[in-house]
N, C-alpha and C. Protein backbone atom coordinates (compact mmCIF):
# COMPACT_ATOMS: atom_id res chain seq x y z
N MET A 1 -15.78 0.52 23.25
CA MET A 1 -15.13 -0.80 23.01
C MET A 1 -15.86 -1.44 21.97
N THR A 2 -15.17 -2.03 20.99
CA THR A 2 -15.84 -2.59 19.75
C THR A 2 -15.96 -4.27 20.15
N SER A 3 -16.81 -4.79 19.56
CA SER A 3 -16.91 -6.45 19.71
C SER A 3 -15.60 -7.03 19.23
N ARG A 4 -15.54 -8.25 19.65
CA ARG A 4 -14.41 -9.07 19.18
C ARG A 4 -14.34 -9.42 17.64
N ASP A 5 -15.70 -9.53 17.17
CA ASP A 5 -15.67 -9.91 15.62
C ASP A 5 -15.35 -8.69 14.92
N ASP A 6 -15.77 -7.46 15.25
CA ASP A 6 -15.52 -6.33 14.61
C ASP A 6 -14.02 -5.82 14.51
N TYR A 7 -13.38 -6.29 15.69
CA TYR A 7 -11.91 -6.04 15.94
C TYR A 7 -11.12 -6.82 14.83
N TRP A 8 -11.47 -8.30 14.94
CA TRP A 8 -10.82 -9.12 13.94
C TRP A 8 -11.06 -8.82 12.51
N ARG A 9 -12.30 -8.55 12.23
CA ARG A 9 -12.72 -8.18 10.88
C ARG A 9 -11.76 -6.94 10.39
N ALA A 10 -11.60 -5.95 11.13
CA ALA A 10 -10.95 -4.69 10.87
C ALA A 10 -9.40 -5.10 10.77
N GLN A 11 -8.88 -5.98 11.75
CA GLN A 11 -7.63 -6.62 11.49
C GLN A 11 -7.25 -7.27 10.34
N LYS A 12 -8.19 -8.13 9.85
CA LYS A 12 -7.88 -8.86 8.70
C LYS A 12 -8.07 -8.17 7.48
N ARG A 13 -9.02 -7.13 7.46
CA ARG A 13 -8.99 -6.10 6.38
C ARG A 13 -7.69 -5.35 6.30
N ARG A 14 -7.13 -5.00 7.22
CA ARG A 14 -5.82 -4.27 7.45
C ARG A 14 -4.73 -5.01 6.73
N ILE A 15 -4.77 -6.37 7.29
CA ILE A 15 -3.69 -7.19 6.81
C ILE A 15 -3.83 -7.43 5.12
N VAL A 16 -5.11 -7.56 4.69
CA VAL A 16 -5.13 -7.80 3.32
C VAL A 16 -4.90 -6.66 2.52
N ILE A 17 -5.16 -5.48 2.80
CA ILE A 17 -4.92 -4.22 2.26
C ILE A 17 -3.39 -3.97 2.06
N LEU A 18 -2.58 -4.30 3.36
CA LEU A 18 -1.20 -4.09 3.19
C LEU A 18 -0.42 -5.08 2.55
N LEU A 19 -0.84 -6.56 2.51
CA LEU A 19 -0.40 -7.49 1.77
C LEU A 19 -0.57 -7.27 0.18
N ALA A 20 -1.72 -6.50 -0.27
CA ALA A 20 -2.05 -6.18 -1.61
C ALA A 20 -1.05 -5.11 -1.91
N VAL A 21 -0.81 -4.21 -1.21
CA VAL A 21 0.08 -3.20 -1.47
C VAL A 21 1.61 -3.79 -1.62
N TRP A 22 1.90 -4.51 -0.79
CA TRP A 22 3.25 -5.20 -0.77
C TRP A 22 3.29 -6.19 -2.18
N ALA A 23 2.30 -6.79 -2.63
CA ALA A 23 2.33 -7.50 -3.78
C ALA A 23 2.43 -6.65 -4.86
N VAL A 24 1.65 -5.52 -4.93
CA VAL A 24 1.72 -4.74 -6.19
C VAL A 24 3.12 -4.07 -6.38
N VAL A 25 3.64 -3.60 -5.33
CA VAL A 25 5.03 -3.03 -5.47
C VAL A 25 6.09 -4.10 -5.55
N GLY A 26 5.99 -5.15 -4.82
CA GLY A 26 7.17 -6.02 -4.99
C GLY A 26 7.14 -6.89 -6.15
N PHE A 27 5.88 -7.28 -6.65
CA PHE A 27 5.57 -8.14 -7.78
C PHE A 27 5.33 -7.48 -9.02
N GLY A 28 4.32 -6.42 -9.13
CA GLY A 28 3.91 -5.55 -10.07
C GLY A 28 4.93 -4.66 -10.45
N LEU A 29 5.45 -3.72 -9.68
CA LEU A 29 6.37 -2.75 -10.00
C LEU A 29 7.73 -3.28 -10.21
N SER A 30 8.01 -4.17 -9.41
CA SER A 30 9.69 -4.76 -9.52
C SER A 30 9.83 -5.84 -10.55
N ILE A 31 8.82 -6.44 -11.02
CA ILE A 31 8.96 -7.54 -11.99
C ILE A 31 8.14 -7.40 -13.18
N LEU A 32 6.86 -7.19 -13.26
CA LEU A 32 6.00 -6.93 -14.23
C LEU A 32 6.22 -5.66 -15.06
N LEU A 33 6.21 -4.54 -14.35
CA LEU A 33 6.51 -3.26 -15.00
C LEU A 33 7.61 -2.67 -14.95
N ALA A 34 8.63 -3.47 -14.62
CA ALA A 34 10.15 -2.99 -14.66
C ALA A 34 10.64 -2.68 -16.04
N PRO A 35 10.30 -3.22 -16.91
CA PRO A 35 10.82 -2.63 -18.34
C PRO A 35 10.09 -1.12 -18.63
N GLN A 36 9.00 -1.04 -18.40
CA GLN A 36 8.40 0.17 -18.52
C GLN A 36 8.93 1.22 -17.52
N LEU A 37 9.12 1.01 -16.37
CA LEU A 37 9.78 1.83 -15.43
C LEU A 37 11.11 2.05 -15.68
N ASN A 38 11.95 1.25 -16.25
CA ASN A 38 13.30 1.53 -16.62
C ASN A 38 13.52 2.56 -17.72
N GLU A 39 12.41 2.99 -18.28
CA GLU A 39 12.40 4.22 -19.23
C GLU A 39 12.83 5.52 -18.42
N VAL A 40 12.34 5.48 -17.19
CA VAL A 40 12.47 6.63 -16.28
C VAL A 40 13.86 6.45 -15.37
N SER A 41 14.54 7.43 -15.09
CA SER A 41 15.69 7.28 -14.15
C SER A 41 15.37 7.95 -12.85
N PHE A 42 15.86 7.31 -11.85
CA PHE A 42 15.79 7.83 -10.47
C PHE A 42 17.07 7.92 -9.83
N GLY A 43 17.78 9.15 -9.77
CA GLY A 43 19.13 9.29 -9.23
C GLY A 43 20.14 8.66 -10.14
N GLY A 44 19.92 8.65 -11.56
CA GLY A 44 20.87 7.92 -12.46
C GLY A 44 20.76 6.49 -12.56
N VAL A 45 19.61 5.90 -11.90
CA VAL A 45 19.45 4.35 -11.94
C VAL A 45 18.10 4.26 -12.49
N PRO A 46 17.95 3.18 -13.51
CA PRO A 46 16.53 2.85 -13.89
C PRO A 46 15.66 2.61 -12.93
N LEU A 47 14.41 3.26 -12.88
CA LEU A 47 13.48 3.12 -11.90
C LEU A 47 13.04 1.76 -11.58
N GLY A 48 12.81 1.01 -12.61
CA GLY A 48 12.37 -0.53 -12.43
C GLY A 48 13.46 -1.30 -11.69
N PHE A 49 14.73 -1.10 -11.91
CA PHE A 49 15.87 -1.58 -11.15
C PHE A 49 15.98 -1.23 -9.75
N TRP A 50 15.81 0.24 -9.50
CA TRP A 50 15.70 0.83 -8.39
C TRP A 50 14.62 0.32 -7.35
N MET A 51 13.48 0.17 -8.13
CA MET A 51 12.24 -0.49 -7.29
C MET A 51 12.51 -1.89 -6.83
N ALA A 52 13.09 -2.59 -7.81
CA ALA A 52 13.37 -3.96 -7.41
C ALA A 52 14.61 -4.18 -6.21
N GLN A 53 15.42 -3.36 -6.29
CA GLN A 53 16.37 -3.49 -5.37
C GLN A 53 16.39 -2.53 -4.09
N GLN A 54 15.79 -1.44 -4.00
CA GLN A 54 15.65 -0.43 -2.89
C GLN A 54 14.01 -0.18 -2.56
N GLY A 55 13.36 0.25 -3.60
CA GLY A 55 12.11 0.70 -3.46
C GLY A 55 11.08 -0.33 -2.63
N ALA A 56 11.30 -1.37 -3.26
CA ALA A 56 10.38 -2.62 -2.53
C ALA A 56 10.69 -2.88 -1.08
N ILE A 57 11.94 -2.67 -0.60
CA ILE A 57 12.31 -2.75 0.67
C ILE A 57 11.97 -1.51 1.56
N PHE A 58 12.05 -0.42 0.92
CA PHE A 58 11.56 0.82 1.61
C PHE A 58 10.03 0.78 2.01
N VAL A 59 9.28 0.33 0.85
CA VAL A 59 7.71 0.07 0.99
C VAL A 59 7.37 -0.98 2.14
N PHE A 60 8.39 -1.99 2.10
CA PHE A 60 8.04 -3.03 3.00
C PHE A 60 8.28 -2.49 4.45
N VAL A 61 9.42 -1.74 4.55
CA VAL A 61 9.63 -1.14 6.01
C VAL A 61 8.43 -0.30 6.53
N ALA A 62 7.92 0.47 5.44
CA ALA A 62 6.90 1.54 5.82
C ALA A 62 5.57 0.74 6.15
N LEU A 63 5.26 -0.32 5.35
CA LEU A 63 4.01 -1.21 5.68
C LEU A 63 4.11 -1.84 7.04
N VAL A 64 5.32 -2.24 7.49
CA VAL A 64 5.43 -2.80 8.83
C VAL A 64 5.22 -1.63 9.74
N TRP A 65 5.65 -0.63 9.57
CA TRP A 65 5.55 0.54 10.53
C TRP A 65 4.04 0.86 10.56
N ILE A 66 3.44 1.12 9.42
CA ILE A 66 1.90 1.41 9.33
C ILE A 66 1.23 0.29 9.90
N TYR A 67 1.44 -1.00 9.77
CA TYR A 67 0.73 -2.13 10.52
C TYR A 67 0.80 -1.90 12.06
N ALA A 68 2.08 -1.87 12.47
CA ALA A 68 2.22 -1.80 13.85
C ALA A 68 1.48 -0.52 14.51
N TRP A 69 1.63 0.70 13.73
CA TRP A 69 0.83 1.92 14.26
C TRP A 69 -0.55 1.67 14.22
N THR A 70 -1.15 1.26 12.96
CA THR A 70 -2.50 1.14 13.22
C THR A 70 -3.18 0.07 13.97
N SER A 71 -2.39 -1.07 14.25
CA SER A 71 -2.87 -2.09 15.22
C SER A 71 -2.74 -1.67 16.52
N ASP A 72 -1.93 -0.81 16.84
CA ASP A 72 -1.61 -0.41 18.07
C ASP A 72 -2.83 0.69 18.51
N ARG A 73 -3.23 1.40 17.39
CA ARG A 73 -4.38 2.35 17.73
C ARG A 73 -5.78 1.42 17.85
N ALA A 74 -5.90 0.29 17.02
CA ALA A 74 -7.05 -0.43 17.06
C ALA A 74 -7.08 -1.14 18.46
N ASP A 75 -5.81 -1.76 18.93
CA ASP A 75 -5.85 -2.38 20.32
C ASP A 75 -6.33 -1.46 21.34
N ARG A 76 -5.77 -0.18 21.20
CA ARG A 76 -6.17 0.91 22.17
C ARG A 76 -7.72 1.07 22.16
N ALA A 77 -8.39 1.25 21.06
CA ALA A 77 -9.58 1.52 20.82
C ALA A 77 -10.40 0.47 21.44
N ALA A 78 -10.22 -0.91 21.38
CA ALA A 78 -10.80 -2.09 21.79
C ALA A 78 -10.54 -2.35 23.14
N GLY A 79 -9.43 -1.53 23.91
CA GLY A 79 -9.29 -1.91 25.16
C GLY A 79 -8.26 -3.01 25.31
N LEU A 80 -7.45 -3.25 24.45
CA LEU A 80 -6.44 -4.53 24.38
C LEU A 80 -5.12 -3.98 24.60
N ASP A 81 -4.88 -2.60 24.71
CA ASP A 81 -3.48 -2.17 24.68
C ASP A 81 -2.64 -2.68 25.88
N GLU A 82 -1.41 -2.75 25.76
CA GLU A 82 -0.57 -3.22 26.72
C GLU A 82 -0.24 -2.19 27.72
N THR A 83 -0.22 -2.69 29.01
CA THR A 83 0.12 -1.67 30.00
C THR A 83 1.28 -2.40 30.95
N PRO A 84 1.92 -1.64 31.59
CA PRO A 84 2.87 -2.33 32.63
C PRO A 84 2.31 -3.28 33.37
N ASP A 85 0.90 -3.39 33.76
CA ASP A 85 0.57 -4.46 34.53
C ASP A 85 0.22 -5.82 33.76
N THR A 86 -0.03 -5.44 32.40
CA THR A 86 -0.19 -6.72 31.66
C THR A 86 0.98 -7.12 30.65
N THR A 87 2.00 -6.49 30.86
CA THR A 87 3.18 -6.76 29.97
C THR A 87 4.33 -7.38 30.82
N THR A 88 4.90 -8.45 30.50
CA THR A 88 6.21 -8.83 31.29
C THR A 88 7.38 -8.15 31.04
N GLN A 89 8.25 -8.00 31.84
CA GLN A 89 9.54 -7.37 31.56
C GLN A 89 10.55 -8.36 31.25
N SER A 90 11.57 -7.80 30.63
CA SER A 90 12.78 -8.74 30.23
C SER A 90 13.28 -9.39 31.61
N GLY A 91 13.46 -10.76 31.61
CA GLY A 91 13.96 -11.58 32.66
C GLY A 91 12.91 -12.10 33.67
N GLU A 92 11.66 -11.62 33.44
CA GLU A 92 10.54 -12.07 34.17
C GLU A 92 10.02 -13.45 33.65
N GLY A 93 9.61 -14.23 34.65
CA GLY A 93 8.94 -15.56 34.17
C GLY A 93 7.69 -15.46 33.21
N HIS A 94 7.51 -16.26 32.47
CA HIS A 94 6.06 -16.20 31.52
C HIS A 94 5.10 -17.14 32.18
């Protein structure tokens, strides 16, 4: 089991990295580099336009999945994972 500070340090690092990837894709590729990317076609559509309209959304969904998966693994390693005993079911009082 890791210490609380180590757990949160790793969690914050994970969040910063994923936000940086999101910023690069969402802002960098979709806005700043769109003219250069538009010189390349992806499925008959300019790549810069595709990144702004679809690619950034696909990357965002992938980042959410990666965050959930890696956080679940970190929670399990720290002994913080949810079990039926620690999780309320739908309709139960909180």
